């Protein structure tokens, strides 16, 4: 169904509303590089005869051989929208042709419609701080589970992370309940690489001390 620019935007907004909960809307746009009355006034496809095809081919060759100024001229914009249903009797097809003089104003209204229609279905972005806290909490839970299974005591740094997450869940917040991202201790306990492991343990202990100091200051405030 070929519509005017205003009617196309109105019907497209209604189509987005219909497909808000389920379904898909397919949008295409391209430059209209040929001029024919049927392409802008008739919703049905035109069957091209051999004579018409030969004429179109000759006009295409003539356009290729036109001067540079003719090739650089502005062309209309063709937009199509459909709901993607397979059956022809139920499929919704919308199209419009935007003339070069109206492209800027049309695209402004078109982009506003797309933003308002797409923003409702987008998931909110997670902040980097939230992602870091989630990763630290998962790592702390894994380490606590391993220590419990072995019957060993939970690492103080791991306990601090779990305590901080418990405070946030209970309604706390701020720096006192921030779960720090602690250095991961890797490397063998003996032999080659033991020095690296010891350095990581010291870095982890310093991070825990800084976290405890920050939490103490925040609690005092």
C-alpha atoms as a PDB file:
ATOM      1  CA  UNK A   1       0.000   0.000   0.000  1.00  0.00           C
ATOM      2  CA  UNK A   2       1.633   3.216  -1.183  1.00  0.00           C
ATOM      3  CA  UNK A   3       0.955   6.137   1.165  1.00  0.00           C
ATOM      4  CA  UNK A   4       1.868   9.747   1.586  1.00  0.00           C
ATOM      5  CA  UNK A   5       4.667  10.600   4.000  1.00  0.00           C
ATOM      6  CA  UNK A   6       2.332  11.599   6.841  1.00  0.00           C
ATOM      7  CA  UNK A   7       0.075   8.572   6.337  1.00  0.00           C
ATOM      8  CA  UNK A   8       3.106   6.264   6.285  1.00  0.00           C
ATOM      9  CA  UNK A   9       4.332   7.536   9.657  1.00  0.00           C
ATOM     10  CA  UNK A  10       0.850   7.251  11.142  1.00  0.00           C
ATOM     11  CA  UNK A  11       0.323   3.681   9.905  1.00  0.00           C
ATOM     12  CA  UNK A  12       3.860   2.710  10.933  1.00  0.00           C
ATOM     13  CA  UNK A  13       3.241   3.930  14.484  1.00  0.00           C
ATOM     14  CA  UNK A  14       0.073   1.827  14.603  1.00  0.00           C
ATOM     15  CA  UNK A  15       2.009  -1.184  13.282  1.00  0.00           C
ATOM     16  CA  UNK A  16       4.634  -0.787  16.008  1.00  0.00           C
ATOM     17  CA  UNK A  17       1.863  -0.636  18.613  1.00  0.00           C
ATOM     18  CA  UNK A  18       0.320  -3.861  17.271  1.00  0.00           C
ATOM     19  CA  UNK A  19       3.679  -5.680  17.397  1.00  0.00           C
ATOM     20  CA  UNK A  20       4.740  -4.308  20.781  1.00  0.00           C
ATOM     21  CA  UNK A  21       4.226  -7.558  22.718  1.00  0.00           C
ATOM     22  CA  UNK A  22       4.920 -10.078  19.952  1.00  0.00           C
ATOM     23  CA  UNK A  23       5.874 -10.021  16.299  1.00  0.00           C
ATOM     24  CA  UNK A  24       8.369  -8.308  14.027  1.00  0.00           C
ATOM     25  CA  UNK A  25       8.369  -5.207  11.849  1.00  0.00           C
ATOM     26  CA  UNK A  26      10.734  -5.184   8.862  1.00  0.00           C
ATOM     27  CA  UNK A  27      11.924  -1.808   7.552  1.00  0.00           C
ATOM     28  CA  UNK A  28      13.808  -1.137   4.327  1.00  0.00           C
ATOM     29  CA  UNK A  29      14.870   2.081   2.659  1.00  0.00           C
ATOM     30  CA  UNK A  30      16.774   2.765  -0.527  1.00  0.00           C
ATOM     31  CA  UNK A  31      17.358   5.417  -3.123  1.00  0.00           C
ATOM     32  CA  UNK A  32      14.740   5.554  -5.866  1.00  0.00           C
ATOM     33  CA  UNK A  33      16.946   5.802  -8.953  1.00  0.00           C
ATOM     34  CA  UNK A  34      14.273   5.493 -11.611  1.00  0.00           C
ATOM     35  CA  UNK A  35      11.283   7.659 -12.372  1.00  0.00           C
ATOM     36  CA  UNK A  36       7.930   6.083 -13.169  1.00  0.00           C
ATOM     37  CA  UNK A  37       4.392   7.038 -12.219  1.00  0.00           C
ATOM     38  CA  UNK A  38       3.534   3.448 -11.339  1.00  0.00           C
ATOM     39  CA  UNK A  39       6.210   3.296  -8.627  1.00  0.00           C
ATOM     40  CA  UNK A  40       4.704   6.195  -6.660  1.00  0.00           C
ATOM     41  CA  UNK A  41       0.982   5.985  -7.346  1.00  0.00           C
ATOM     42  CA  UNK A  42       0.123   2.300  -7.732  1.00  0.00           C
ATOM     43  CA  UNK A  43       0.486  -0.280  -4.911  1.00  0.00           C
ATOM     44  CA  UNK A  44       0.708  -3.190  -7.364  1.00  0.00           C
ATOM     45  CA  UNK A  45       3.825  -4.313  -9.187  1.00  0.00           C
ATOM     46  CA  UNK A  46       3.997  -3.501 -12.890  1.00  0.00           C
ATOM     47  CA  UNK A  47       4.627  -6.305 -15.391  1.00  0.00           C
ATOM     48  CA  UNK A  48       7.347  -5.158 -17.769  1.00  0.00           C
ATOM     49  CA  UNK A  49       7.036  -6.166 -21.419  1.00  0.00           C
ATOM     50  CA  UNK A  50       9.993  -6.865 -23.697  1.00  0.00           C
ATOM     51  CA  UNK A  51       9.640  -3.456 -25.315  1.00  0.00           C
ATOM     52  CA  UNK A  52       9.517  -1.743 -21.922  1.00  0.00           C
ATOM     53  CA  UNK A  53      12.519  -3.724 -20.729  1.00  0.00           C
ATOM     54  CA  UNK A  54      14.495  -2.678 -23.800  1.00  0.00           C
ATOM     55  CA  UNK A  55      13.492   0.935 -23.248  1.00  0.00           C
ATOM     56  CA  UNK A  56      14.514   0.750 -19.584  1.00  0.00           C
ATOM     57  CA  UNK A  57      17.850  -0.772 -20.555  1.00  0.00           C
ATOM     58  CA  UNK A  58      18.521   1.946 -23.085  1.00  0.00           C
ATOM     59  CA  UNK A  59      17.570   4.646 -20.571  1.00  0.00           C
ATOM     60  CA  UNK A  60      19.920   3.066 -18.033  1.00  0.00           C
ATOM     61  CA  UNK A  61      22.769   3.170 -20.540  1.00  0.00           C
ATOM     62  CA  UNK A  62      21.916   6.747 -21.353  1.00  0.00           C
ATOM     63  CA  UNK A  63      21.957   7.628 -17.663  1.00  0.00           C
ATOM     64  CA  UNK A  64      25.386   6.042 -17.287  1.00  0.00           C
ATOM     65  CA  UNK A  65      26.644   8.169 -20.132  1.00  0.00           C
ATOM     66  CA  UNK A  66      25.138  11.400 -18.800  1.00  0.00           C
ATOM     67  CA  UNK A  67      27.375  14.217 -17.564  1.00  0.00           C
ATOM     68  CA  UNK A  68      28.732  14.247 -14.026  1.00  0.00           C
ATOM     69  CA  UNK A  69      26.225  16.900 -12.862  1.00  0.00           C
ATOM     70  CA  UNK A  70      23.306  14.682 -13.887  1.00  0.00           C
ATOM     71  CA  UNK A  71      24.658  11.688 -11.967  1.00  0.00           C
ATOM     72  CA  UNK A  72      25.160  13.749  -8.809  1.00  0.00           C
ATOM     73  CA  UNK A  73      21.611  15.000  -8.620  1.00  0.00           C
ATOM     74  CA  UNK A  74      19.441  14.163  -5.611  1.00  0.00           C
ATOM     75  CA  UNK A  75      17.075  11.191  -5.842  1.00  0.00           C
ATOM     76  CA  UNK A  76      13.869  10.376  -3.958  1.00  0.00           C
ATOM     77  CA  UNK A  77      13.914   7.954  -1.023  1.00  0.00           C
ATOM     78  CA  UNK A  78      11.767   4.815  -1.012  1.00  0.00           C
ATOM     79  CA  UNK A  79      10.754   3.313   2.336  1.00  0.00           C
ATOM     80  CA  UNK A  80       8.890   0.077   2.938  1.00  0.00           C
ATOM     81  CA  UNK A  81       7.511  -1.548   6.100  1.00  0.00           C
ATOM     82  CA  UNK A  82       5.909  -4.958   6.586  1.00  0.00           C
ATOM     83  CA  UNK A  83       4.923  -7.167   9.514  1.00  0.00           C
ATOM     84  CA  UNK A  84       6.609 -10.192   7.927  1.00  0.00           C
ATOM     85  CA  UNK A  85       3.624 -12.523   7.900  1.00  0.00           C
ATOM     86  CA  UNK A  86       3.784 -15.258   5.280  1.00  0.00           C
ATOM     87  CA  UNK A  87       0.210 -15.175   4.000  1.00  0.00           C
ATOM     88  CA  UNK A  88      -0.470 -12.562   1.342  1.00  0.00           C
ATOM     89  CA  UNK A  89      -4.024 -11.880   2.503  1.00  0.00           C
ATOM     90  CA  UNK A  90      -2.900 -11.028   6.066  1.00  0.00           C
ATOM     91  CA  UNK A  91       0.497  -9.424   5.432  1.00  0.00           C
ATOM     92  CA  UNK A  92       0.644  -5.669   6.001  1.00  0.00           C
ATOM     93  CA  UNK A  93       2.723  -3.750   3.446  1.00  0.00           C
ATOM     94  CA  UNK A  94       3.387  -0.038   3.678  1.00  0.00           C
ATOM     95  CA  UNK A  95       5.509   2.136   1.409  1.00  0.00           C
ATOM     96  CA  UNK A  96       6.130   5.793   0.703  1.00  0.00           C
ATOM     97  CA  UNK A  97       8.332   7.932  -1.524  1.00  0.00           C
ATOM     98  CA  UNK A  98      10.075  10.939  -0.025  1.00  0.00           C
ATOM     99  CA  UNK A  99      11.123  13.681  -2.397  1.00  0.00           C
ATOM    100  CA  UNK A 100      14.609  15.231  -1.954  1.00  0.00           C
ATOM    101  CA  UNK A 101      13.191  18.515  -0.658  1.00  0.00           C
ATOM    102  CA  UNK A 102      11.275  16.695   2.113  1.00  0.00           C
ATOM    103  CA  UNK A 103      13.913  14.153   3.166  1.00  0.00           C
ATOM    104  CA  UNK A 104      15.377  16.158   6.064  1.00  0.00           C
ATOM    105  CA  UNK A 105      12.047  16.905   7.746  1.00  0.00           C
ATOM    106  CA  UNK A 106      10.738  13.384   7.106  1.00  0.00           C
ATOM    107  CA  UNK A 107      13.818  11.675   8.541  1.00  0.00           C
ATOM    108  CA  UNK A 108      13.566  13.823  11.656  1.00  0.00           C
ATOM    109  CA  UNK A 109      10.004  12.608  12.317  1.00  0.00           C
ATOM    110  CA  UNK A 110      10.921   9.072  11.225  1.00  0.00           C
ATOM    111  CA  UNK A 111      13.893   8.809  13.610  1.00  0.00           C
ATOM    112  CA  UNK A 112      11.802  10.189  16.487  1.00  0.00           C
ATOM    113  CA  UNK A 113       9.200   7.497  15.841  1.00  0.00           C
ATOM    114  CA  UNK A 114      11.830   4.760  15.753  1.00  0.00           C
ATOM    115  CA  UNK A 115      13.450   5.904  19.003  1.00  0.00           C
ATOM    116  CA  UNK A 116      10.125   6.057  20.835  1.00  0.00           C
ATOM    117  CA  UNK A 117       9.118   2.637  19.500  1.00  0.00           C
ATOM    118  CA  UNK A 118      12.422   0.876  20.190  1.00  0.00           C
ATOM    119  CA  UNK A 119      13.227   2.346  23.608  1.00  0.00           C
ATOM    120  CA  UNK A 120      10.414   0.447  25.331  1.00  0.00           C
ATOM    121  CA  UNK A 121      11.831  -2.947  24.367  1.00  0.00           C
ATOM    122  CA  UNK A 122      15.497  -2.282  25.148  1.00  0.00           C
ATOM    123  CA  UNK A 123      17.066  -3.690  28.278  1.00  0.00           C
ATOM    124  CA  UNK A 124      18.657  -1.143  30.597  1.00  0.00           C
ATOM    125  CA  UNK A 125      22.425  -1.133  30.413  1.00  0.00           C
ATOM    126  CA  UNK A 126      24.286  -2.436  33.428  1.00  0.00           C
ATOM    127  CA  UNK A 127      26.864  -0.099  34.901  1.00  0.00           C
ATOM    128  CA  UNK A 128      30.480  -1.173  35.141  1.00  0.00           C
ATOM    129  CA  UNK A 129      30.355  -0.922  38.913  1.00  0.00           C
ATOM    130  CA  UNK A 130      27.396  -3.292  39.095  1.00  0.00           C
ATOM    131  CA  UNK A 131      29.127  -5.782  36.808  1.00  0.00           C
ATOM    132  CA  UNK A 132      32.302  -5.657  38.924  1.00  0.00           C
ATOM    133  CA  UNK A 133      30.313  -6.274  42.099  1.00  0.00           C
ATOM    134  CA  UNK A 134      28.489  -9.187  40.524  1.00  0.00           C
ATOM    135  CA  UNK A 135      31.726 -10.806  39.341  1.00  0.00           C
ATOM    136  CA  UNK A 136      33.362 -10.333  42.745  1.00  0.00           C
ATOM    137  CA  UNK A 137      30.326 -11.790  44.504  1.00  0.00           C
ATOM    138  CA  UNK A 138      30.241 -14.848  42.241  1.00  0.00           C
ATOM    139  CA  UNK A 139      33.947 -15.473  42.771  1.00  0.00           C
ATOM    140  CA  UNK A 140      33.534 -15.087  46.543  1.00  0.00           C
ATOM    141  CA  UNK A 141      30.645 -17.539  46.609  1.00  0.00           C
ATOM    142  CA  UNK A 142      32.660 -20.103  44.658  1.00  0.00           C
ATOM    143  CA  UNK A 143      35.642 -19.750  46.975  1.00  0.00           C
ATOM    144  CA  UNK A 144      33.417 -19.994  50.061  1.00  0.00           C
ATOM    145  CA  UNK A 145      31.755 -23.122  48.702  1.00  0.00           C
ATOM    146  CA  UNK A 146      35.136 -24.738  48.016  1.00  0.00           C
ATOM    147  CA  UNK A 147      36.385 -23.884  51.520  1.00  0.00           C
ATOM    148  CA  UNK A 148      33.214 -25.268  53.109  1.00  0.00           C
ATOM    149  CA  UNK A 149      33.482 -28.485  51.112  1.00  0.00           C
ATOM    150  CA  UNK A 150      37.071 -28.958  52.257  1.00  0.00           C
ATOM    151  CA  UNK A 151      36.192 -28.106  55.844  1.00  0.00           C
ATOM    152  CA  UNK A 152      38.566 -25.134  55.863  1.00  0.00           C
ATOM    153  CA  UNK A 153      37.999 -21.603  57.107  1.00  0.00           C
ATOM    154  CA  UNK A 154      36.693 -19.014  54.682  1.00  0.00           C
ATOM    155  CA  UNK A 155      39.278 -16.515  53.482  1.00  0.00           C
ATOM    156  CA  UNK A 156      38.862 -13.108  55.250  1.00  0.00           C
ATOM    157  CA  UNK A 157      38.737 -11.319  51.888  1.00  0.00           C
ATOM    158  CA  UNK A 158      35.979 -13.654  50.694  1.00  0.00           C
ATOM    159  CA  UNK A 159      34.076 -13.161  53.943  1.00  0.00           C
ATOM    160  CA  UNK A 160      34.351  -9.382  53.531  1.00  0.00           C
ATOM    161  CA  UNK A 161      32.871  -9.532  50.042  1.00  0.00           C
ATOM    162  CA  UNK A 162      29.996 -11.723  51.192  1.00  0.00           C
ATOM    163  CA  UNK A 163      29.352  -9.444  54.165  1.00  0.00           C
ATOM    164  CA  UNK A 164      29.254  -6.427  51.894  1.00  0.00           C
ATOM    165  CA  UNK A 165      26.764  -8.033  49.521  1.00  0.00           C
ATOM    166  CA  UNK A 166      24.596  -9.065  52.470  1.00  0.00           C
ATOM    167  CA  UNK A 167      24.529  -5.450  53.656  1.00  0.00           C
ATOM    168  CA  UNK A 168      23.407  -4.253  50.221  1.00  0.00           C
ATOM    169  CA  UNK A 169      20.656  -6.889  50.110  1.00  0.00           C
ATOM    170  CA  UNK A 170      19.483  -5.792  53.559  1.00  0.00           C
ATOM    171  CA  UNK A 171      18.997  -2.232  52.344  1.00  0.00           C
ATOM    172  CA  UNK A 172      22.445  -0.731  52.820  1.00  0.00           C
ATOM    173  CA  UNK A 173      24.542   0.932  50.176  1.00  0.00           C
ATOM    174  CA  UNK A 174      27.359   3.272  49.444  1.00  0.00           C
ATOM    175  CA  UNK A 175      31.055   2.738  49.978  1.00  0.00           C
ATOM    176  CA  UNK A 176      30.532   0.728  53.158  1.00  0.00           C
ATOM    177  CA  UNK A 177      28.873  -2.080  51.235  1.00  0.00           C
ATOM    178  CA  UNK A 178      30.844  -1.950  48.012  1.00  0.00           C
ATOM    179  CA  UNK A 179      32.233  -5.369  47.061  1.00  0.00           C
ATOM    180  CA  UNK A 180      35.824  -4.788  45.895  1.00  0.00           C
ATOM    181  CA  UNK A 181      37.342  -6.617  42.982  1.00  0.00           C
ATOM    182  CA  UNK A 182      40.117  -8.574  44.654  1.00  0.00           C
ATOM    183  CA  UNK A 183      43.215  -9.906  42.870  1.00  0.00           C
ATOM    184  CA  UNK A 184      42.933 -13.578  42.040  1.00  0.00           C
ATOM    185  CA  UNK A 185      45.596 -15.725  43.683  1.00  0.00           C
ATOM    186  CA  UNK A 186      47.082 -18.174  41.182  1.00  0.00           C
ATOM    187  CA  UNK A 187      50.290 -20.155  40.937  1.00  0.00           C
ATOM    188  CA  UNK A 188      51.842 -23.161  42.652  1.00  0.00           C
ATOM    189  CA  UNK A 189      52.362 -23.296  46.409  1.00  0.00           C
ATOM    190  CA  UNK A 190      55.889 -24.644  45.945  1.00  0.00           C
ATOM    191  CA  UNK A 191      58.614 -24.508  43.336  1.00  0.00           C
ATOM    192  CA  UNK A 192      58.607 -22.230  40.312  1.00  0.00           C
ATOM    193  CA  UNK A 193      56.028 -19.473  40.536  1.00  0.00           C
ATOM    194  CA  UNK A 194      55.684 -19.427  44.302  1.00  0.00           C
ATOM    195  CA  UNK A 195      57.035 -15.859  44.467  1.00  0.00           C
ATOM    196  CA  UNK A 196      54.313 -14.686  42.099  1.00  0.00           C
ATOM    197  CA  UNK A 197      51.691 -16.352  44.288  1.00  0.00           C
ATOM    198  CA  UNK A 198      53.060 -14.623  47.385  1.00  0.00           C
ATOM    199  CA  UNK A 199      52.955 -11.225  45.658  1.00  0.00           C
ATOM    200  CA  UNK A 200      49.334 -11.807  44.686  1.00  0.00           C
ATOM    201  CA  UNK A 201      48.471 -12.785  48.245  1.00  0.00           C
ATOM    202  CA  UNK A 202      50.007  -9.539  49.529  1.00  0.00           C
ATOM    203  CA  UNK A 203      48.099  -7.503  46.954  1.00  0.00           C
ATOM    204  CA  UNK A 204      44.896  -9.245  47.974  1.00  0.00           C
ATOM    205  CA  UNK A 205      45.531  -8.578  51.664  1.00  0.00           C
ATOM    206  CA  UNK A 206      46.197  -4.887  50.958  1.00  0.00           C
ATOM    207  CA  UNK A 207      42.980  -4.645  48.951  1.00  0.00           C
ATOM    208  CA  UNK A 208      41.051  -6.150  51.873  1.00  0.00           C
ATOM    209  CA  UNK A 209      42.660  -3.682  54.294  1.00  0.00           C
ATOM    210  CA  UNK A 210      41.748  -0.741  52.072  1.00  0.00           C
ATOM    211  CA  UNK A 211      38.207  -2.030  51.799  1.00  0.00           C
ATOM    212  CA  UNK A 212      37.884  -2.390  55.584  1.00  0.00           C
ATOM    213  CA  UNK A 213      39.295   1.101  56.117  1.00  0.00           C
ATOM    214  CA  UNK A 214      36.879   2.600  53.606  1.00  0.00           C
ATOM    215  CA  UNK A 215      33.949   0.787  55.200  1.00  0.00           C
ATOM    216  CA  UNK A 216      35.008   2.006  58.661  1.00  0.00           C
ATOM    217  CA  UNK A 217      35.180   5.628  57.492  1.00  0.00           C
ATOM    218  CA  UNK A 218      31.805   5.384  55.737  1.00  0.00           C
ATOM    219  CA  UNK A 219      30.198   3.874  58.841  1.00  0.00           C
ATOM    220  CA  UNK A 220      31.648   6.625  61.030  1.00  0.00           C
ATOM    221  CA  UNK A 221      30.264   9.309  58.716  1.00  0.00           C
END
